[in-house]
Amino acid sequence: MEFQKSYYIIEHISKLEIVSHEKLLSLDKNSYQLIQNFSNHDEAVAEMLRLLSDEQSVLKDKLANSK
């Protein structure tokens, strides 16, 4: 994998973000949590959509069970 062309899903300031390798290197190492890295932007976007969909399903279940 060419890390200079990689994209990462990170948790930064309490939200998920997709960032390039260059952007990741510019962040303070203690300011984010690395979730996963990808060889291209399209793969990162597809995984981000999946993660958000999973979170939405969990939230819907919690709301349904709280009634």
N, C-alpha and C. Protein backbone atom coordinates (compact mmCIF):
# COMPACT_ATOMS: atom_id res chain seq x y z
N MET A 1 0.85 -1.18 0.00
CA MET A 1 0.00 0.00 0.00
C MET A 1 0.89 1.24 0.00
N GLU A 2 0.56 2.18 -0.85
CA GLU A 2 1.29 3.44 -0.89
C GLU A 2 0.64 4.41 0.10
N PHE A 3 1.30 4.60 1.24
CA PHE A 3 0.69 5.40 2.29
C PHE A 3 0.46 6.85 1.88
N GLN A 4 1.28 7.38 1.00
CA GLN A 4 1.10 8.76 0.55
C GLN A 4 -0.22 8.94 -0.19
N LYS A 5 -0.77 7.87 -0.72
CA LYS A 5 -2.04 7.92 -1.45
C LYS A 5 -3.19 7.31 -0.65
N SER A 6 -2.95 7.03 0.63
CA SER A 6 -3.94 6.39 1.49
C SER A 6 -4.94 7.39 2.05
N TYR A 7 -6.08 6.84 2.45
CA TYR A 7 -7.09 7.61 3.16
C TYR A 7 -7.44 6.86 4.44
N TYR A 8 -7.84 7.60 5.44
CA TYR A 8 -8.10 7.03 6.75
C TYR A 8 -9.46 7.48 7.26
N ILE A 9 -10.12 6.58 7.98
CA ILE A 9 -11.28 6.97 8.76
C ILE A 9 -10.76 7.14 10.18
N ILE A 10 -11.02 8.33 10.73
CA ILE A 10 -10.58 8.62 12.09
C ILE A 10 -11.75 9.19 12.88
N GLU A 11 -11.65 9.09 14.20
CA GLU A 11 -12.56 9.82 15.07
C GLU A 11 -11.78 11.02 15.56
N HIS A 12 -12.28 12.21 15.24
CA HIS A 12 -11.57 13.45 15.56
C HIS A 12 -12.60 14.47 16.04
N ILE A 13 -12.37 15.00 17.21
CA ILE A 13 -13.29 15.96 17.83
C ILE A 13 -14.71 15.37 17.88
N SER A 14 -14.80 14.15 18.34
CA SER A 14 -16.08 13.44 18.56
C SER A 14 -16.89 13.19 17.30
N LYS A 15 -16.25 13.13 16.15
CA LYS A 15 -16.97 12.78 14.92
C LYS A 15 -16.05 11.97 14.00
N LEU A 16 -16.67 11.18 13.13
CA LEU A 16 -15.90 10.41 12.15
C LEU A 16 -15.54 11.30 10.98
N GLU A 17 -14.33 11.13 10.47
CA GLU A 17 -13.87 11.90 9.32
C GLU A 17 -13.05 10.99 8.41
N ILE A 18 -13.04 11.33 7.13
CA ILE A 18 -12.14 10.70 6.16
C ILE A 18 -11.05 11.72 5.87
N VAL A 19 -9.80 11.32 6.06
CA VAL A 19 -8.68 12.25 5.83
C VAL A 19 -7.62 11.57 4.98
N SER A 20 -6.89 12.38 4.25
CA SER A 20 -5.77 11.88 3.45
C SER A 20 -4.57 11.61 4.37
N HIS A 21 -3.59 10.92 3.84
CA HIS A 21 -2.38 10.64 4.60
C HIS A 21 -1.70 11.95 5.01
N GLU A 22 -1.65 12.89 4.09
CA GLU A 22 -1.03 14.18 4.37
C GLU A 22 -1.74 14.90 5.52
N LYS A 23 -3.06 14.91 5.49
CA LYS A 23 -3.84 15.56 6.55
C LYS A 23 -3.63 14.85 7.88
N LEU A 24 -3.58 13.52 7.85
CA LEU A 24 -3.38 12.75 9.08
C LEU A 24 -2.05 13.13 9.73
N LEU A 25 -1.01 13.27 8.92
CA LEU A 25 0.31 13.62 9.46
C LEU A 25 0.33 15.01 10.07
N SER A 26 -0.57 15.88 9.63
CA SER A 26 -0.59 17.25 10.16
C SER A 26 -1.34 17.36 11.49
N LEU A 27 -2.09 16.32 11.85
CA LEU A 27 -2.85 16.35 13.10
C LEU A 27 -1.99 15.94 14.28
N ASP A 28 -2.30 16.47 15.44
CA ASP A 28 -1.65 16.05 16.68
C ASP A 28 -2.03 14.59 16.92
N LYS A 29 -1.06 13.75 17.19
CA LYS A 29 -1.31 12.31 17.35
C LYS A 29 -2.28 11.98 18.48
N ASN A 30 -2.42 12.88 19.42
CA ASN A 30 -3.34 12.66 20.54
C ASN A 30 -4.73 13.24 20.29
N SER A 31 -4.96 13.80 19.11
CA SER A 31 -6.24 14.46 18.84
C SER A 31 -7.22 13.58 18.07
N TYR A 32 -6.82 12.39 17.70
CA TYR A 32 -7.70 11.52 16.93
C TYR A 32 -7.47 10.06 17.29
N GLN A 33 -8.45 9.23 16.92
CA GLN A 33 -8.32 7.78 17.04
C GLN A 33 -8.45 7.21 15.64
N LEU A 34 -7.48 6.44 15.22
CA LEU A 34 -7.51 5.82 13.90
C LEU A 34 -8.48 4.64 13.92
N ILE A 35 -9.41 4.67 12.98
CA ILE A 35 -10.38 3.58 12.86
C ILE A 35 -9.88 2.56 11.84
N GLN A 36 -9.53 3.04 10.64
CA GLN A 36 -9.08 2.12 9.58
C GLN A 36 -8.42 2.91 8.46
N ASN A 37 -7.52 2.27 7.71
CA ASN A 37 -6.93 2.94 6.55
C ASN A 37 -7.31 2.19 5.27
N PHE A 38 -7.28 2.93 4.15
CA PHE A 38 -7.72 2.41 2.85
C PHE A 38 -6.76 2.86 1.77
N SER A 39 -6.67 2.09 0.71
CA SER A 39 -5.75 2.42 -0.37
C SER A 39 -6.28 3.50 -1.30
N ASN A 40 -7.60 3.79 -1.22
CA ASN A 40 -8.13 4.89 -2.04
C ASN A 40 -9.36 5.51 -1.38
N HIS A 41 -9.74 6.66 -1.87
CA HIS A 41 -10.83 7.44 -1.29
C HIS A 41 -12.17 6.72 -1.42
N ASP A 42 -12.42 6.08 -2.55
CA ASP A 42 -13.70 5.38 -2.75
C ASP A 42 -13.93 4.30 -1.71
N GLU A 43 -12.90 3.54 -1.38
CA GLU A 43 -13.02 2.49 -0.36
C GLU A 43 -13.33 3.11 1.01
N ALA A 44 -12.68 4.22 1.31
CA ALA A 44 -12.92 4.90 2.59
C ALA A 44 -14.36 5.40 2.67
N VAL A 45 -14.85 5.98 1.60
CA VAL A 45 -16.23 6.48 1.57
C VAL A 45 -17.23 5.34 1.73
N ALA A 46 -17.01 4.23 1.05
CA ALA A 46 -17.91 3.08 1.16
C ALA A 46 -17.96 2.56 2.60
N GLU A 47 -16.81 2.48 3.25
CA GLU A 47 -16.78 2.00 4.64
C GLU A 47 -17.42 3.01 5.58
N MET A 48 -17.21 4.30 5.33
CA MET A 48 -17.83 5.34 6.16
C MET A 48 -19.35 5.24 6.07
N LEU A 49 -19.87 5.04 4.87
CA LEU A 49 -21.31 4.88 4.70
C LEU A 49 -21.83 3.66 5.45
N ARG A 50 -21.07 2.57 5.42
CA ARG A 50 -21.47 1.36 6.14
C ARG A 50 -21.48 1.61 7.65
N LEU A 51 -20.44 2.27 8.15
CA LEU A 51 -20.37 2.56 9.59
C LEU A 51 -21.52 3.46 10.03
N LEU A 52 -21.82 4.47 9.25
CA LEU A 52 -22.91 5.37 9.60
C LEU A 52 -24.26 4.66 9.55
N SER A 53 -24.43 3.77 8.59
CA SER A 53 -25.66 2.99 8.50
C SER A 53 -25.82 2.08 9.72
N ASP A 54 -24.72 1.46 10.13
CA ASP A 54 -24.75 0.61 11.34
C ASP A 54 -25.11 1.43 12.57
N GLU A 55 -24.52 2.61 12.71
CA GLU A 55 -24.82 3.48 13.86
C GLU A 55 -26.28 3.90 13.85
N GLN A 56 -26.81 4.18 12.67
CA GLN A 56 -28.21 4.57 12.54
C GLN A 56 -29.13 3.42 12.97
N SER A 57 -28.79 2.21 12.59
CA SER A 57 -29.60 1.04 12.97
C SER A 57 -29.59 0.83 14.48
N VAL A 58 -28.43 0.99 15.09
CA VAL A 58 -28.32 0.84 16.54
C VAL A 58 -29.16 1.90 17.25
N LEU A 59 -29.10 3.13 16.76
CA LEU A 59 -29.88 4.20 17.36
C LEU A 59 -31.37 3.95 17.21
N LYS A 60 -31.81 3.47 16.05
CA LYS A 60 -33.22 3.16 15.85
C LYS A 60 -33.68 2.09 16.82
N ASP A 61 -32.85 1.05 17.03
CA ASP A 61 -33.18 -0.02 17.97
C ASP A 61 -33.29 0.53 19.39
N LYS A 62 -32.37 1.40 19.78
CA LYS A 62 -32.41 1.98 21.12
C LYS A 62 -33.68 2.81 21.32
N LEU A 63 -34.03 3.58 20.31
CA LEU A 63 -35.24 4.38 20.41
C LEU A 63 -36.49 3.52 20.48
N ALA A 64 -36.52 2.45 19.70
CA ALA A 64 -37.69 1.56 19.69
C ALA A 64 -37.83 0.86 21.05
N ASN A 65 -36.71 0.51 21.67
CA ASN A 65 -36.75 -0.20 22.94
C ASN A 65 -36.98 0.71 24.13
N SER A 66 -36.88 2.01 23.94
CA SER A 66 -37.06 2.94 25.06
C SER A 66 -38.51 3.36 25.24
N LYS A 67 -39.38 2.95 24.34
CA LYS A 67 -40.80 3.34 24.42
C LYS A 67 -41.56 2.46 25.38
